[in-house]
Amino acid sequence: MPSKTEKLLSLLNGQPVIPVLKIANVADAVPLARALARGGLPAIEITLRTADALEAIRRVAG
């Protein structure tokens, strides 16, 4: 069984770009992450530049 690191590397190697998101409205986080995943970009980076960033990460991860 692949390790977590191996799974992550496989995911990142199979994706041409990593979208970097600045979430201004936490309600947009999950729909945006789902849309990106459906479009072939399942790995994203959410910046910590807004007050709601950590909550956005929690919701997307949950």
N, C-alpha and C. Protein backbone atom coordinates (compact mmCIF):
# COMPACT_ATOMS: atom_id res chain seq x y z
N MET A 1 0.85 -1.19 0.00
CA MET A 1 0.00 0.00 0.00
C MET A 1 0.89 1.24 0.00
N PRO A 2 0.60 2.20 -0.89
CA PRO A 2 1.42 3.42 -0.97
C PRO A 2 1.30 4.27 0.31
N SER A 3 2.40 4.91 0.66
CA SER A 3 2.40 5.80 1.82
C SER A 3 1.67 7.09 1.48
N LYS A 4 1.38 7.90 2.49
CA LYS A 4 0.73 9.20 2.26
C LYS A 4 1.59 10.08 1.36
N THR A 5 2.90 10.02 1.59
CA THR A 5 3.82 10.82 0.77
C THR A 5 3.77 10.37 -0.68
N GLU A 6 3.77 9.07 -0.90
CA GLU A 6 3.72 8.55 -2.27
C GLU A 6 2.41 8.93 -2.95
N LYS A 7 1.30 8.89 -2.21
CA LYS A 7 0.00 9.28 -2.77
C LYS A 7 0.01 10.76 -3.15
N LEU A 8 0.57 11.59 -2.27
CA LEU A 8 0.63 13.03 -2.54
C LEU A 8 1.50 13.31 -3.77
N LEU A 9 2.66 12.69 -3.83
CA LEU A 9 3.55 12.90 -4.97
C LEU A 9 2.91 12.44 -6.27
N SER A 10 2.19 11.35 -6.23
CA SER A 10 1.49 10.86 -7.42
C SER A 10 0.43 11.86 -7.88
N LEU A 11 -0.32 12.41 -6.92
CA LEU A 11 -1.33 13.41 -7.24
C LEU A 11 -0.70 14.65 -7.86
N LEU A 12 0.35 15.16 -7.24
CA LEU A 12 1.00 16.38 -7.73
C LEU A 12 1.69 16.17 -9.07
N ASN A 13 2.30 15.02 -9.27
CA ASN A 13 2.98 14.74 -10.54
C ASN A 13 1.99 14.61 -11.70
N GLY A 14 0.76 14.24 -11.40
CA GLY A 14 -0.24 14.07 -12.44
C GLY A 14 -1.02 15.33 -12.76
N GLN A 15 -0.68 16.43 -12.11
CA GLN A 15 -1.42 17.68 -12.29
C GLN A 15 -0.49 18.74 -12.85
N PRO A 16 -0.85 19.34 -14.01
CA PRO A 16 0.07 20.28 -14.66
C PRO A 16 0.30 21.58 -13.89
N VAL A 17 -0.69 22.04 -13.15
CA VAL A 17 -0.58 23.28 -12.37
C VAL A 17 -1.29 23.10 -11.03
N ILE A 18 -0.91 23.91 -10.06
CA ILE A 18 -1.58 23.94 -8.76
C ILE A 18 -2.26 25.30 -8.63
N PRO A 19 -3.60 25.34 -8.67
CA PRO A 19 -4.28 26.63 -8.49
C PRO A 19 -4.03 27.18 -7.09
N VAL A 20 -3.74 28.46 -7.02
CA VAL A 20 -3.53 29.15 -5.75
C VAL A 20 -4.72 30.07 -5.54
N LEU A 21 -5.48 29.81 -4.46
CA LEU A 21 -6.73 30.52 -4.24
C LEU A 21 -6.65 31.46 -3.04
N LYS A 22 -7.19 32.63 -3.21
CA LYS A 22 -7.39 33.57 -2.11
C LYS A 22 -8.90 33.64 -1.90
N ILE A 23 -9.38 33.00 -0.85
CA ILE A 23 -10.82 32.89 -0.61
C ILE A 23 -11.31 34.10 0.16
N ALA A 24 -12.11 34.93 -0.49
CA ALA A 24 -12.67 36.12 0.16
C ALA A 24 -13.96 35.80 0.90
N ASN A 25 -14.70 34.79 0.41
CA ASN A 25 -15.96 34.40 1.03
C ASN A 25 -15.91 32.90 1.29
N VAL A 26 -15.94 32.52 2.56
CA VAL A 26 -15.77 31.11 2.93
C VAL A 26 -16.83 30.22 2.28
N ALA A 27 -17.99 30.75 1.99
CA ALA A 27 -19.05 29.96 1.35
C ALA A 27 -18.68 29.53 -0.07
N ASP A 28 -17.73 30.21 -0.67
CA ASP A 28 -17.30 29.88 -2.03
C ASP A 28 -16.26 28.76 -2.07
N ALA A 29 -15.66 28.44 -0.95
CA ALA A 29 -14.51 27.53 -0.93
C ALA A 29 -14.85 26.13 -1.45
N VAL A 30 -15.86 25.50 -0.91
CA VAL A 30 -16.17 24.12 -1.30
C VAL A 30 -16.66 24.04 -2.74
N PRO A 31 -17.61 24.89 -3.16
CA PRO A 31 -18.01 24.82 -4.57
C PRO A 31 -16.86 25.06 -5.55
N LEU A 32 -15.97 25.96 -5.21
CA LEU A 32 -14.82 26.24 -6.07
C LEU A 32 -13.88 25.04 -6.12
N ALA A 33 -13.59 24.45 -4.96
CA ALA A 33 -12.72 23.28 -4.91
C ALA A 33 -13.32 22.12 -5.70
N ARG A 34 -14.62 21.92 -5.58
CA ARG A 34 -15.29 20.84 -6.32
C ARG A 34 -15.22 21.08 -7.83
N ALA A 35 -15.44 22.32 -8.24
CA ALA A 35 -15.39 22.65 -9.67
C ALA A 35 -13.98 22.41 -10.22
N LEU A 36 -12.97 22.81 -9.47
CA LEU A 36 -11.59 22.59 -9.92
C LEU A 36 -11.29 21.10 -10.02
N ALA A 37 -11.74 20.32 -9.04
CA ALA A 37 -11.52 18.87 -9.06
C ALA A 37 -12.22 18.24 -10.27
N ARG A 38 -13.45 18.65 -10.54
CA ARG A 38 -14.17 18.13 -11.71
C ARG A 38 -13.45 18.49 -13.01
N GLY A 39 -12.78 19.62 -13.00
CA GLY A 39 -12.03 20.06 -14.17
C GLY A 39 -10.64 19.46 -14.28
N GLY A 40 -10.30 18.55 -13.37
CA GLY A 40 -9.02 17.87 -13.45
C GLY A 40 -7.92 18.44 -12.57
N LEU A 41 -8.29 19.35 -11.66
CA LEU A 41 -7.30 19.96 -10.75
C LEU A 41 -7.70 19.70 -9.30
N PRO A 42 -7.48 18.47 -8.81
CA PRO A 42 -7.90 18.14 -7.45
C PRO A 42 -7.02 18.71 -6.34
N ALA A 43 -5.78 19.08 -6.65
CA ALA A 43 -4.89 19.66 -5.64
C ALA A 43 -4.91 21.18 -5.78
N ILE A 44 -5.18 21.87 -4.66
CA ILE A 44 -5.22 23.33 -4.67
C ILE A 44 -4.44 23.86 -3.47
N GLU A 45 -4.06 25.11 -3.56
CA GLU A 45 -3.46 25.81 -2.42
C GLU A 45 -4.39 26.95 -2.05
N ILE A 46 -4.74 27.03 -0.78
CA ILE A 46 -5.54 28.16 -0.28
C ILE A 46 -4.60 29.02 0.55
N THR A 47 -4.41 30.27 0.13
CA THR A 47 -3.50 31.16 0.84
C THR A 47 -4.10 31.59 2.17
N LEU A 48 -3.26 32.00 3.08
CA LEU A 48 -3.71 32.49 4.39
C LEU A 48 -3.74 34.01 4.41
N ARG A 49 -4.27 34.60 3.36
CA ARG A 49 -4.29 36.06 3.22
C ARG A 49 -5.61 36.70 3.64
N THR A 50 -6.58 35.89 4.05
CA THR A 50 -7.87 36.44 4.48
C THR A 50 -8.24 35.87 5.84
N ALA A 51 -9.15 36.55 6.50
CA ALA A 51 -9.58 36.10 7.83
C ALA A 51 -10.27 34.74 7.79
N ASP A 52 -10.90 34.40 6.67
CA ASP A 52 -11.64 33.14 6.56
C ASP A 52 -10.83 32.00 5.96
N ALA A 53 -9.57 32.20 5.71
CA ALA A 53 -8.77 31.19 5.02
C ALA A 53 -8.72 29.85 5.76
N LEU A 54 -8.48 29.85 7.05
CA LEU A 54 -8.40 28.58 7.78
C LEU A 54 -9.74 27.86 7.79
N GLU A 55 -10.82 28.60 7.92
CA GLU A 55 -12.15 27.97 7.87
C GLU A 55 -12.40 27.41 6.47
N ALA A 56 -11.97 28.11 5.45
CA ALA A 56 -12.12 27.60 4.08
C ALA A 56 -11.36 26.29 3.92
N ILE A 57 -10.15 26.21 4.44
CA ILE A 57 -9.36 24.98 4.38
C ILE A 57 -10.07 23.86 5.13
N ARG A 58 -10.60 24.15 6.30
CA ARG A 58 -11.33 23.14 7.08
C ARG A 58 -12.51 22.59 6.28
N ARG A 59 -13.26 23.47 5.66
CA ARG A 59 -14.44 23.04 4.91
C ARG A 59 -14.07 22.21 3.68
N VAL A 60 -13.04 22.63 2.98
CA VAL A 60 -12.62 21.88 1.80
C VAL A 60 -12.08 20.51 2.21
N ALA A 61 -11.33 20.46 3.29
CA ALA A 61 -10.73 19.21 3.76
C ALA A 61 -11.77 18.27 4.36
N GLY A 62 -12.85 18.84 4.88
CA GLY A 62 -13.87 18.05 5.58
C GLY A 62 -14.75 17.32 4.66
